[in-house]
PDB file of N, CA and C in Angstrom:
ATOM      1  N   MET A   1      97.092 114.302  87.485  1.00  0.00           N
ATOM      2  CA  MET A   1      96.945 112.993  88.107  1.00  0.00           C
ATOM      3  C   MET A   1      97.711 113.006  89.424  1.00  0.00           C
ATOM      4  N   THR A   2      97.102 112.475  90.449  1.00  0.00           N
ATOM      5  CA  THR A   2      97.722 112.426  91.760  1.00  0.00           C
ATOM      6  C   THR A   2      98.701 111.267  91.861  1.00  0.00           C
ATOM      7  N   ASN A   3      99.717 111.416  92.706  1.00  0.00           N
ATOM      8  CA  ASN A   3     100.667 110.334  92.925  1.00  0.00           C
ATOM      9  C   ASN A   3     100.347 109.531  94.166  1.00  0.00           C
ATOM     10  N   ALA A   4      99.275 109.839  94.851  1.00  0.00           N
ATOM     11  CA  ALA A   4      98.909 109.081  96.048  1.00  0.00           C
ATOM     12  C   ALA A   4      98.249 107.781  95.646  1.00  0.00           C
ATOM     13  N   GLY A   5      98.731 106.676  96.210  1.00  0.00           N
ATOM     14  CA  GLY A   5      98.181 105.362  95.898  1.00  0.00           C
ATOM     15  C   GLY A   5      96.706 105.262  96.210  1.00  0.00           C
ATOM     16  N   SER A   6      96.232 106.013  97.209  1.00  0.00           N
ATOM     17  CA  SER A   6      94.826 105.947  97.590  1.00  0.00           C
ATOM     18  C   SER A   6      93.929 106.594  96.537  1.00  0.00           C
ATOM     19  N   GLY A   7      94.501 107.378  95.627  1.00  0.00           N
ATOM     20  CA  GLY A   7      93.743 108.004  94.561  1.00  0.00           C
ATOM     21  C   GLY A   7      93.581 107.090  93.360  1.00  0.00           C
ATOM     22  N   HIS A   8      93.980 105.839  93.512  1.00  0.00           N
ATOM     23  CA  HIS A   8      93.920 104.873  92.427  1.00  0.00           C
ATOM     24  C   HIS A   8      93.332 103.551  92.900  1.00  0.00           C
ATOM     25  N   ALA A   9      92.679 102.894  91.985  1.00  0.00           N
ATOM     26  CA  ALA A   9      92.136 101.556  92.238  1.00  0.00           C
ATOM     27  C   ALA A   9      93.035 100.535  91.548  1.00  0.00           C
ATOM     28  N   ALA A  10      92.867  99.285  91.928  1.00  0.00           N
ATOM     29  CA  ALA A  10      93.627  98.199  91.303  1.00  0.00           C
ATOM     30  C   ALA A  10      92.860  97.673  90.105  1.00  0.00           C
ATOM     31  N   GLY A  11      93.487  97.737  88.954  1.00  0.00           N
ATOM     32  CA  GLY A  11      92.908  97.185  87.741  1.00  0.00           C
ATOM     33  C   GLY A  11      93.666  95.931  87.349  1.00  0.00           C
ATOM     34  N   ARG A  12      93.035  95.084  86.564  1.00  0.00           N
ATOM     35  CA  ARG A  12      93.637  93.818  86.181  1.00  0.00           C
ATOM     36  C   ARG A  12      93.546  93.644  84.676  1.00  0.00           C
ATOM     37  N   ASP A  13      94.680  93.358  84.052  1.00  0.00           N
ATOM     38  CA  ASP A  13      94.722  93.029  82.630  1.00  0.00           C
ATOM     39  C   ASP A  13      94.204  91.601  82.507  1.00  0.00           C
ATOM     40  N   GLN A  14      93.114  91.397  81.784  1.00  0.00           N
ATOM     41  CA  GLN A  14      92.472  90.090  81.730  1.00  0.00           C
ATOM     42  C   GLN A  14      93.351  89.035  81.061  1.00  0.00           C
ATOM     43  N   GLU A  15      94.155  89.418  80.086  1.00  0.00           N
ATOM     44  CA  GLU A  15      94.995  88.447  79.385  1.00  0.00           C
ATOM     45  C   GLU A  15      96.166  87.978  80.226  1.00  0.00           C
ATOM     46  N   THR A  16      96.783  88.893  80.995  1.00  0.00           N
ATOM     47  CA  THR A  16      97.984  88.535  81.746  1.00  0.00           C
ATOM     48  C   THR A  16      97.764  88.481  83.256  1.00  0.00           C
ATOM     49  N   SER A  17      96.669  89.021  83.750  1.00  0.00           N
ATOM     50  CA  SER A  17      96.379  89.146  85.187  1.00  0.00           C
ATOM     51  C   SER A  17      97.321  90.108  85.901  1.00  0.00           C
ATOM     52  N   ARG A  18      98.058  90.920  85.155  1.00  0.00           N
ATOM     53  CA  ARG A  18      98.962  91.904  85.752  1.00  0.00           C
ATOM     54  C   ARG A  18      98.146  93.021  86.395  1.00  0.00           C
ATOM     55  N   ALA A  19      98.559  93.458  87.579  1.00  0.00           N
ATOM     56  CA  ALA A  19      97.892  94.540  88.299  1.00  0.00           C
ATOM     57  C   ALA A  19      98.335  95.889  87.748  1.00  0.00           C
ATOM     58  N   HIS A  20      97.375  96.787  87.574  1.00  0.00           N
ATOM     59  CA  HIS A  20      97.624  98.141  87.079  1.00  0.00           C
ATOM     60  C   HIS A  20      96.913  99.142  87.971  1.00  0.00           C
ATOM     61  N   ALA A  21      97.429 100.370  88.019  1.00  0.00           N
ATOM     62  CA  ALA A  21      96.801 101.456  88.772  1.00  0.00           C
ATOM     63  C   ALA A  21      95.837 102.207  87.862  1.00  0.00           C
ATOM     64  N   VAL A  22      94.577 102.280  88.286  1.00  0.00           N
ATOM     65  CA  VAL A  22      93.547 103.001  87.522  1.00  0.00           C
ATOM     66  C   VAL A  22      93.122 104.207  88.353  1.00  0.00           C
ATOM     67  N   PRO A  23      93.185 105.419  87.776  1.00  0.00           N
ATOM     68  CA  PRO A  23      92.755 106.595  88.531  1.00  0.00           C
ATOM     69  C   PRO A  23      91.348 106.396  89.099  1.00  0.00           C
ATOM     70  N   ARG A  24      91.166 106.761  90.353  1.00  0.00           N
ATOM     71  CA  ARG A  24      89.897 106.541  91.061  1.00  0.00           C
ATOM     72  C   ARG A  24      88.722 107.147  90.305  1.00  0.00           C
ATOM     73  N   GLU A  25      88.896 108.345  89.719  1.00  0.00           N
ATOM     74  CA  GLU A  25      87.788 108.987  88.998  1.00  0.00           C
ATOM     75  C   GLU A  25      87.317 108.107  87.844  1.00  0.00           C
ATOM     76  N   ALA A  26      88.258 107.490  87.139  1.00  0.00           N
ATOM     77  CA  ALA A  26      87.907 106.606  86.019  1.00  0.00           C
ATOM     78  C   ALA A  26      87.313 105.299  86.536  1.00  0.00           C
ATOM     79  N   ALA A  27      87.880 104.772  87.610  1.00  0.00           N
ATOM     80  CA  ALA A  27      87.425 103.488  88.157  1.00  0.00           C
ATOM     81  C   ALA A  27      85.990 103.565  88.668  1.00  0.00           C
ATOM     82  N   ASP A  28      85.575 104.740  89.119  1.00  0.00           N
ATOM     83  CA  ASP A  28      84.216 104.915  89.627  1.00  0.00           C
ATOM     84  C   ASP A  28      83.189 105.019  88.502  1.00  0.00           C
ATOM     85  N   GLY A  29      83.658 105.177  87.278  1.00  0.00           N
ATOM     86  CA  GLY A  29      82.759 105.297  86.129  1.00  0.00           C
ATOM     87  C   GLY A  29      82.647 103.983  85.374  1.00  0.00           C
ATOM     88  N   PRO A  30      81.921 103.999  84.288  1.00  0.00           N
ATOM     89  CA  PRO A  30      81.740 102.779  83.490  1.00  0.00           C
ATOM     90  C   PRO A  30      82.987 102.469  82.659  1.00  0.00           C
ATOM     91  N   PRO A  31      83.121 101.220  82.215  1.00  0.00           N
ATOM     92  CA  PRO A  31      84.237 100.879  81.335  1.00  0.00           C
ATOM     93  C   PRO A  31      84.071 101.599  80.003  1.00  0.00           C
ATOM     94  N   PRO A  32      85.093 101.745  79.230  1.00  0.00           N
ATOM     95  CA  PRO A  32      86.413 101.118  79.384  1.00  0.00           C
ATOM     96  C   PRO A  32      87.271 101.868  80.408  1.00  0.00           C
ATOM     97  N   TRP A  33      88.139 101.124  81.087  1.00  0.00           N
ATOM     98  CA  TRP A  33      89.061 101.696  82.058  1.00  0.00           C
ATOM     99  C   TRP A  33      90.465 101.624  81.484  1.00  0.00           C
ATOM    100  N   VAL A  34      91.249 102.648  81.771  1.00  0.00           N
ATOM    101  CA  VAL A  34      92.627 102.697  81.293  1.00  0.00           C
ATOM    102  C   VAL A  34      93.537 102.995  82.476  1.00  0.00           C
ATOM    103  N   ALA A  35      94.579 102.205  82.606  1.00  0.00           N
ATOM    104  CA  ALA A  35      95.525 102.353  83.705  1.00  0.00           C
ATOM    105  C   ALA A  35      96.410 103.574  83.519  1.00  0.00           C
ATOM    106  N   ALA A  36      97.116 103.935  84.566  1.00  0.00           N
ATOM    107  CA  ALA A  36      98.030 105.079  84.533  1.00  0.00           C
ATOM    108  C   ALA A  36      99.077 104.934  83.435  1.00  0.00           C
ATOM    109  N   CYS A  37      99.458 103.706  83.123  1.00  0.00           N
ATOM    110  CA  CYS A  37     100.474 103.453  82.093  1.00  0.00           C
ATOM    111  C   CYS A  37      99.889 103.439  80.682  1.00  0.00           C
ATOM    112  N   GLY A  38      98.552 103.538  80.565  1.00  0.00           N
ATOM    113  CA  GLY A  38      97.904 103.539  79.261  1.00  0.00           C
ATOM    114  C   GLY A  38      97.332 102.200  78.842  1.00  0.00           C
ATOM    115  N   THR A  39      97.515 101.164  79.647  1.00  0.00           N
ATOM    116  CA  THR A  39      97.004  99.833  79.333  1.00  0.00           C
ATOM    117  C   THR A  39      95.514  99.743  79.627  1.00  0.00           C
ATOM    118  N   PRO A  40      94.697  99.239  78.697  1.00  0.00           N
ATOM    119  CA  PRO A  40      93.288  98.998  78.985  1.00  0.00           C
ATOM    120  C   PRO A  40      93.166  97.836  79.978  1.00  0.00           C
ATOM    121  N   VAL A  41      92.286  97.968  80.942  1.00  0.00           N
ATOM    122  CA  VAL A  41      92.078  96.893  81.920  1.00  0.00           C
ATOM    123  C   VAL A  41      90.638  96.416  81.860  1.00  0.00           C
ATOM    124  N   ALA A  42      90.437  95.141  82.158  1.00  0.00           N
ATOM    125  CA  ALA A  42      89.119  94.530  82.056  1.00  0.00           C
ATOM    126  C   ALA A  42      88.361  94.528  83.368  1.00  0.00           C
ATOM    127  N   VAL A  43      89.085  94.546  84.485  1.00  0.00           N
ATOM    128  CA  VAL A  43      88.468  94.447  85.804  1.00  0.00           C
ATOM    129  C   VAL A  43      89.096  95.498  86.709  1.00  0.00           C
ATOM    130  N   VAL A  44      88.278  96.197  87.489  1.00  0.00           N
ATOM    131  CA  VAL A  44      88.770  97.130  88.500  1.00  0.00           C
ATOM    132  C   VAL A  44      88.146  96.711  89.824  1.00  0.00           C
ATOM    133  N   ARG A  45      89.022  96.366  90.776  1.00  0.00           N
ATOM    134  CA  ARG A  45      88.525  95.922  92.075  1.00  0.00           C
ATOM    135  C   ARG A  45      89.619  96.094  93.122  1.00  0.00           C
ATOM    136  N   GLY A  46      89.310  96.783  94.181  1.00  0.00           N
ATOM    137  CA  GLY A  46      90.255  96.963  95.278  1.00  0.00           C
ATOM    138  C   GLY A  46      91.069  98.236  95.136  1.00  0.00           C
ATOM    139  N   ALA A  47      91.890  98.475  96.142  1.00  0.00           N
ATOM    140  CA  ALA A  47      92.724  99.677  96.193  1.00  0.00           C
ATOM    141  C   ALA A  47      94.114  99.376  95.636  1.00  0.00           C
ATOM    142  N   TRP A  48      94.702 100.359  94.992  1.00  0.00           N
ATOM    143  CA  TRP A  48      96.037 100.197  94.419  1.00  0.00           C
ATOM    144  C   TRP A  48      97.057  99.849  95.500  1.00  0.00           C
ATOM    145  N   HIS A  49      96.916 100.399  96.682  1.00  0.00           N
ATOM    146  CA  HIS A  49      97.874 100.121  97.751  1.00  0.00           C
ATOM    147  C   HIS A  49      97.541  98.821  98.503  1.00  0.00           C
ATOM    148  N   GLY A  50      96.544  98.084  98.071  1.00  0.00           N
ATOM    149  CA  GLY A  50      96.145  96.840  98.738  1.00  0.00           C
ATOM    150  C   GLY A  50      96.709  95.588  98.079  1.00  0.00           C
ATOM    151  N   HIS A  51      96.171  94.444  98.475  1.00  0.00           N
ATOM    152  CA  HIS A  51      96.687  93.161  97.984  1.00  0.00           C
ATOM    153  C   HIS A  51      96.360  92.885  96.518  1.00  0.00           C
ATOM    154  N   ARG A  52      95.400  93.590  95.946  1.00  0.00           N
ATOM    155  CA  ARG A  52      95.084  93.403  94.522  1.00  0.00           C
ATOM    156  C   ARG A  52      95.865  94.370  93.638  1.00  0.00           C
ATOM    157  N   GLY A  53      96.548  95.320  94.240  1.00  0.00           N
ATOM    158  CA  GLY A  53      97.358  96.291  93.502  1.00  0.00           C
ATOM    159  C   GLY A  53      98.833  96.024  93.742  1.00  0.00           C
ATOM    160  N   LEU A  54      99.457  96.899  94.538  1.00  0.00           N
ATOM    161  CA  LEU A  54     100.884  96.762  94.815  1.00  0.00           C
ATOM    162  C   LEU A  54     101.237  95.461  95.518  1.00  0.00           C
ATOM    163  N   GLY A  55     100.293  94.854  96.206  1.00  0.00           N
ATOM    164  CA  GLY A  55     100.553  93.584  96.898  1.00  0.00           C
ATOM    165  C   GLY A  55     100.355  92.355  96.033  1.00  0.00           C
ATOM    166  N   ALA A  56     100.000  92.532  94.763  1.00  0.00           N
ATOM    167  CA  ALA A  56      99.758  91.408  93.856  1.00  0.00           C
ATOM    168  C   ALA A  56     101.082  90.752  93.444  1.00  0.00           C
ATOM    169  N   ASP A  57     100.987  89.555  92.939  1.00  0.00           N
ATOM    170  CA  ASP A  57     102.172  88.821  92.480  1.00  0.00           C
ATOM    171  C   ASP A  57     102.810  89.450  91.254  1.00  0.00           C
ATOM    172  N   ASP A  58     102.005  89.999  90.356  1.00  0.00           N
ATOM    173  CA  ASP A  58     102.507  90.574  89.107  1.00  0.00           C
ATOM    174  C   ASP A  58     101.998  92.001  88.991  1.00  0.00           C
ATOM    175  N   VAL A  59     102.870  92.975  89.234  1.00  0.00           N
ATOM    176  CA  VAL A  59     102.495  94.386  89.222  1.00  0.00           C
ATOM    177  C   VAL A  59     103.188  95.082  88.053  1.00  0.00           C
ATOM    178  N   CYS A  60     102.443  95.876  87.323  1.00  0.00           N
ATOM    179  CA  CYS A  60     102.994  96.634  86.201  1.00  0.00           C
ATOM    180  C   CYS A  60     104.109  97.558  86.703  1.00  0.00           C
ATOM    181  N   PRO A  61     105.312  97.406  86.186  1.00  0.00           N
ATOM    182  CA  PRO A  61     106.411  98.257  86.650  1.00  0.00           C
ATOM    183  C   PRO A  61     106.195  99.737  86.324  1.00  0.00           C
ATOM    184  N   GLU A  62     105.545 100.028  85.210  1.00  0.00           N
ATOM    185  CA  GLU A  62     105.308 101.428  84.847  1.00  0.00           C
ATOM    186  C   GLU A  62     104.276 102.058  85.790  1.00  0.00           C
ATOM    187  N   CYS A  63     103.218 101.328  86.126  1.00  0.00           N
ATOM    188  CA  CYS A  63     102.239 101.845  87.097  1.00  0.00           C
ATOM    189  C   CYS A  63     102.894 102.020  88.462  1.00  0.00           C
ATOM    190  N   ARG A  64     103.747 101.084  88.851  1.00  0.00           N
ATOM    191  CA  ARG A  64     104.462 101.196  90.139  1.00  0.00           C
ATOM    192  C   ARG A  64     105.308 102.463  90.157  1.00  0.00           C
ATOM    193  N   ARG A  65     105.953 102.777  89.045  1.00  0.00           N
ATOM    194  CA  ARG A  65     106.794 103.960  88.960  1.00  0.00           C
ATOM    195  C   ARG A  65     105.947 105.241  88.976  1.00  0.00           C
ATOM    196  N   LEU A  66     104.851 105.238  88.235  1.00  0.00           N
ATOM    197  CA  LEU A  66     104.000 106.423  88.117  1.00  0.00           C
ATOM    198  C   LEU A  66     103.155 106.693  89.360  1.00  0.00           C
ATOM    199  N   VAL A  67     102.741 105.630  90.036  1.00  0.00           N
ATOM    200  CA  VAL A  67     101.813 105.758  91.172  1.00  0.00           C
ATOM    201  C   VAL A  67     102.356 104.973  92.367  1.00  0.00           C
ATOM    202  N   PRO A  68     103.362 105.505  93.049  1.00  0.00           N
ATOM    203  CA  PRO A  68     103.890 104.802  94.216  1.00  0.00           C
ATOM    204  C   PRO A  68     102.867 104.784  95.346  1.00  0.00           C
ATOM    205  N   ALA A  69     103.054 103.906  96.272  1.00  0.00           N
ATOM    206  CA  ALA A  69     102.133 103.793  97.417  1.00  0.00           C
ATOM    207  C   ALA A  69     102.253 104.972  98.337  1.00  0.00           C
TER     208      ALA A  69
END
């Protein structure tokens, strides 16, 4: 797995709306999607280094640690 933020998309946990990093290869495919931290996500939209990922109000601390910008 790459540590470059551009290699990941922004995923969203539907229950909490927390932003998660989803590997780009997985995000380009059909669901189910799983974030770098292992959390299943319901929606994948935008780049991890953008406003829906690291720029979101609630960002998964484990994804932030695993996939820095």
